[in-house]
């Protein structure tokens, strides 16, 4: 787990810990998804919205305390407690033996994008993983793109959904939905 510092860019914060973005929004930094703010440090963003140096230190501490705990992992995927809880809720509605399929497809503004689907039928090229009692399927083509990725769930005013923090991504779009 990487600690959040005042020198970290807002873009890095959004990529690493999307679920803590709500704290910045509550502090008046509403431009977290803006391309211009993406390269601004947390300190610059907060001070640009009228916060003092002392305020910045307190908010950074609050951000670090809000980092989601990792619920479970294997060498391919890391799943946060928030994502695991949401998945368990979603799985209650599905038939026995269902799993979450995570795929990497060509598309999006950066070249590749994630697709999530709840399914019950395994395919021949699926790699199956079980983390925290939840089954995941990743096909052979997507596996190298996802290795070491963290799956989190974000529910905020700006949207809700699963968020992937991917160490294999060379670049991402401003909204974080696609990567290269």
Protein backbone atom coordinates (compact mmCIF):
# COMPACT_ATOMS: atom_id res chain seq x y z
CA UNK A 1 0.00 0.00 0.00
CA UNK A 2 1.42 3.35 -1.05
CA UNK A 3 0.95 6.24 1.38
CA UNK A 4 -0.75 9.39 0.15
CA UNK A 5 1.40 12.51 0.38
CA UNK A 6 0.70 16.16 -0.33
CA UNK A 7 3.11 15.90 -3.29
CA UNK A 8 1.15 13.07 -4.94
CA UNK A 9 -0.74 14.20 -8.03
CA UNK A 10 -4.52 14.21 -7.97
CA UNK A 11 -4.38 11.88 -10.98
CA UNK A 12 -2.26 9.35 -9.09
CA UNK A 13 -4.64 9.54 -6.13
CA UNK A 14 -7.63 8.89 -8.40
CA UNK A 15 -5.87 5.91 -10.00
CA UNK A 16 -4.57 4.35 -6.78
CA UNK A 17 -7.43 5.06 -4.39
CA UNK A 18 -10.62 6.10 -6.22
CA UNK A 19 -12.77 5.51 -3.15
CA UNK A 20 -11.06 8.34 -1.18
CA UNK A 21 -11.79 10.96 -3.86
CA UNK A 22 -14.99 11.81 -2.00
CA UNK A 23 -12.84 13.46 0.70
CA UNK A 24 -11.35 15.88 -1.83
CA UNK A 25 -14.83 16.59 -3.19
CA UNK A 26 -16.04 17.34 0.35
CA UNK A 27 -13.12 19.78 0.72
CA UNK A 28 -14.16 21.71 -2.38
CA UNK A 29 -11.76 20.12 -4.89
CA UNK A 30 -14.45 19.28 -7.45
CA UNK A 31 -12.08 19.13 -10.40
CA UNK A 32 -10.70 15.66 -9.59
CA UNK A 33 -11.81 14.30 -12.97
CA UNK A 34 -10.62 17.36 -14.88
CA UNK A 35 -7.65 16.90 -17.19
CA UNK A 36 -5.98 20.07 -15.89
CA UNK A 37 -6.17 18.96 -12.24
CA UNK A 38 -4.87 15.51 -13.10
CA UNK A 39 -1.22 16.65 -12.92
CA UNK A 40 -1.72 19.03 -10.00
CA UNK A 41 -0.49 17.86 -6.59
CA UNK A 42 -2.94 17.32 -3.77
CA UNK A 43 -1.36 20.28 -1.98
CA UNK A 44 -1.75 22.53 -5.03
CA UNK A 45 -5.36 21.47 -5.47
CA UNK A 46 -6.28 22.06 -1.85
CA UNK A 47 -4.40 25.35 -1.53
CA UNK A 48 -5.92 26.51 -4.80
CA UNK A 49 -9.29 26.01 -3.13
CA UNK A 50 -8.37 28.12 -0.10
CA UNK A 51 -6.93 25.53 2.27
CA UNK A 52 -3.98 26.37 4.55
CA UNK A 53 -0.81 24.27 4.96
CA UNK A 54 -2.24 22.94 8.24
CA UNK A 55 -5.50 22.03 6.49
CA UNK A 56 -3.53 20.19 3.81
CA UNK A 57 -1.71 18.09 6.43
CA UNK A 58 -4.99 17.18 8.16
CA UNK A 59 -6.70 16.29 4.88
CA UNK A 60 -3.76 14.14 3.75
CA UNK A 61 -3.95 12.30 7.10
CA UNK A 62 -7.69 11.82 6.55
CA UNK A 63 -7.04 10.50 3.02
CA UNK A 64 -4.54 7.95 4.34
CA UNK A 65 -6.95 6.78 7.03
CA UNK A 66 -9.65 6.25 4.39
CA UNK A 67 -7.55 4.01 2.11
CA UNK A 68 -9.55 0.79 1.68
CA UNK A 69 -8.14 -2.30 3.29
CA UNK A 70 -7.26 -5.10 0.92
CA UNK A 71 -9.68 -7.93 1.54
CA UNK A 72 -7.79 -10.56 -0.35
CA UNK A 73 -5.46 -11.19 -3.21
CA UNK A 74 -3.57 -13.66 -5.29
CA UNK A 75 -0.71 -12.95 -7.65
CA UNK A 76 -3.12 -11.77 -10.35
CA UNK A 77 -5.77 -9.69 -8.53
CA UNK A 78 -6.12 -7.69 -5.35
CA UNK A 79 -9.67 -7.03 -4.14
CA UNK A 80 -10.56 -4.35 -1.57
CA UNK A 81 -13.07 -4.92 1.23
CA UNK A 82 -15.42 -2.43 -0.45
CA UNK A 83 -15.33 -4.32 -3.77
CA UNK A 84 -15.69 -7.71 -2.06
CA UNK A 85 -18.73 -6.52 -0.11
CA UNK A 86 -20.39 -5.09 -3.23
CA UNK A 87 -19.66 -8.26 -5.22
CA UNK A 88 -21.17 -10.45 -2.49
CA UNK A 89 -24.33 -8.32 -2.60
CA UNK A 90 -24.51 -8.59 -6.40
CA UNK A 91 -23.88 -12.35 -6.33
CA UNK A 92 -26.93 -12.92 -4.10
CA UNK A 93 -29.11 -12.16 -7.13
CA UNK A 94 -27.22 -14.54 -9.44
CA UNK A 95 -27.59 -18.28 -9.86
CA UNK A 96 -25.38 -20.70 -7.95
CA UNK A 97 -21.81 -20.91 -9.28
CA UNK A 98 -21.78 -17.43 -10.81
CA UNK A 99 -18.57 -15.43 -11.03
CA UNK A 100 -17.29 -12.01 -12.07
CA UNK A 101 -15.64 -11.97 -15.48
CA UNK A 102 -13.05 -9.24 -15.97
CA UNK A 103 -11.92 -8.67 -19.54
CA UNK A 104 -9.59 -6.24 -21.25
CA UNK A 105 -10.88 -5.14 -24.67
CA UNK A 106 -9.67 -2.79 -27.37
CA UNK A 107 -11.46 0.55 -27.07
CA UNK A 108 -11.85 3.63 -24.94
CA UNK A 109 -9.97 6.86 -25.43
CA UNK A 110 -6.61 5.35 -24.38
CA UNK A 111 -6.77 2.16 -26.44
CA UNK A 112 -7.87 -0.53 -23.98
CA UNK A 113 -10.82 -0.74 -21.60
CA UNK A 114 -12.16 -3.01 -18.87
CA UNK A 115 -15.38 -4.97 -19.07
CA UNK A 116 -17.09 -6.55 -16.07
CA UNK A 117 -19.91 -9.09 -16.28
CA UNK A 118 -21.56 -11.57 -13.94
CA UNK A 119 -21.67 -14.98 -15.59
CA UNK A 120 -22.21 -18.63 -14.79
CA UNK A 121 -20.67 -20.36 -17.82
CA UNK A 122 -16.91 -20.92 -17.87
CA UNK A 123 -15.08 -20.64 -21.21
CA UNK A 124 -12.16 -22.80 -22.36
CA UNK A 125 -9.56 -20.03 -22.05
CA UNK A 126 -10.69 -18.83 -18.60
CA UNK A 127 -8.31 -18.60 -15.67
CA UNK A 128 -10.42 -18.98 -12.53
CA UNK A 129 -9.50 -17.37 -9.19
CA UNK A 130 -11.25 -17.34 -5.85
CA UNK A 131 -10.62 -14.44 -3.49
CA UNK A 132 -12.65 -13.89 -0.31
CA UNK A 133 -15.15 -16.52 -1.44
CA UNK A 134 -15.78 -14.72 -4.74
CA UNK A 135 -14.97 -16.38 -8.04
CA UNK A 136 -13.32 -14.41 -10.84
CA UNK A 137 -12.65 -15.36 -14.47
CA UNK A 138 -9.96 -13.73 -16.61
CA UNK A 139 -9.33 -15.03 -20.13
CA UNK A 140 -5.81 -15.81 -21.40
CA UNK A 141 -5.66 -12.66 -23.53
CA UNK A 142 -6.62 -10.33 -20.65
CA UNK A 143 -4.48 -11.99 -17.98
CA UNK A 144 -1.15 -10.24 -18.74
CA UNK A 145 -2.89 -6.84 -18.75
CA UNK A 146 -4.46 -7.42 -15.32
CA UNK A 147 -1.63 -9.07 -13.38
CA UNK A 148 -1.20 -7.27 -10.06
CA UNK A 149 -4.27 -5.06 -10.54
CA UNK A 150 -6.39 -3.89 -7.64
CA UNK A 151 -10.18 -4.02 -7.93
CA UNK A 152 -12.05 -1.46 -5.83
CA UNK A 153 -15.65 -0.24 -5.80
CA UNK A 154 -16.37 3.48 -5.91
CA UNK A 155 -19.74 4.97 -5.04
CA UNK A 156 -19.72 8.77 -5.21
CA UNK A 157 -21.60 11.73 -6.60
CA UNK A 158 -19.57 11.41 -9.80
CA UNK A 159 -20.56 7.78 -10.37
CA UNK A 160 -20.52 4.25 -9.03
CA UNK A 161 -18.78 1.16 -10.27
CA UNK A 162 -15.78 -1.07 -10.09
CA UNK A 163 -12.44 0.66 -10.50
CA UNK A 164 -9.20 -1.00 -11.57
CA UNK A 165 -5.82 0.30 -10.40
CA UNK A 166 -3.50 -1.33 -12.88
CA UNK A 167 0.29 -1.31 -12.46
CA UNK A 168 0.64 -2.44 -16.10
CA UNK A 169 -1.05 0.66 -17.53
CA UNK A 170 1.43 3.02 -19.19
CA UNK A 171 -1.15 5.78 -19.39
CA UNK A 172 -4.84 6.25 -18.61
CA UNK A 173 -7.53 8.61 -19.77
CA UNK A 174 -8.72 11.41 -17.49
CA UNK A 175 -11.84 9.51 -16.45
CA UNK A 176 -9.87 6.35 -15.63
CA UNK A 177 -12.08 4.10 -17.77
CA UNK A 178 -9.43 3.18 -20.32
CA UNK A 179 -5.68 2.66 -20.43
CA UNK A 180 -2.74 1.90 -22.66
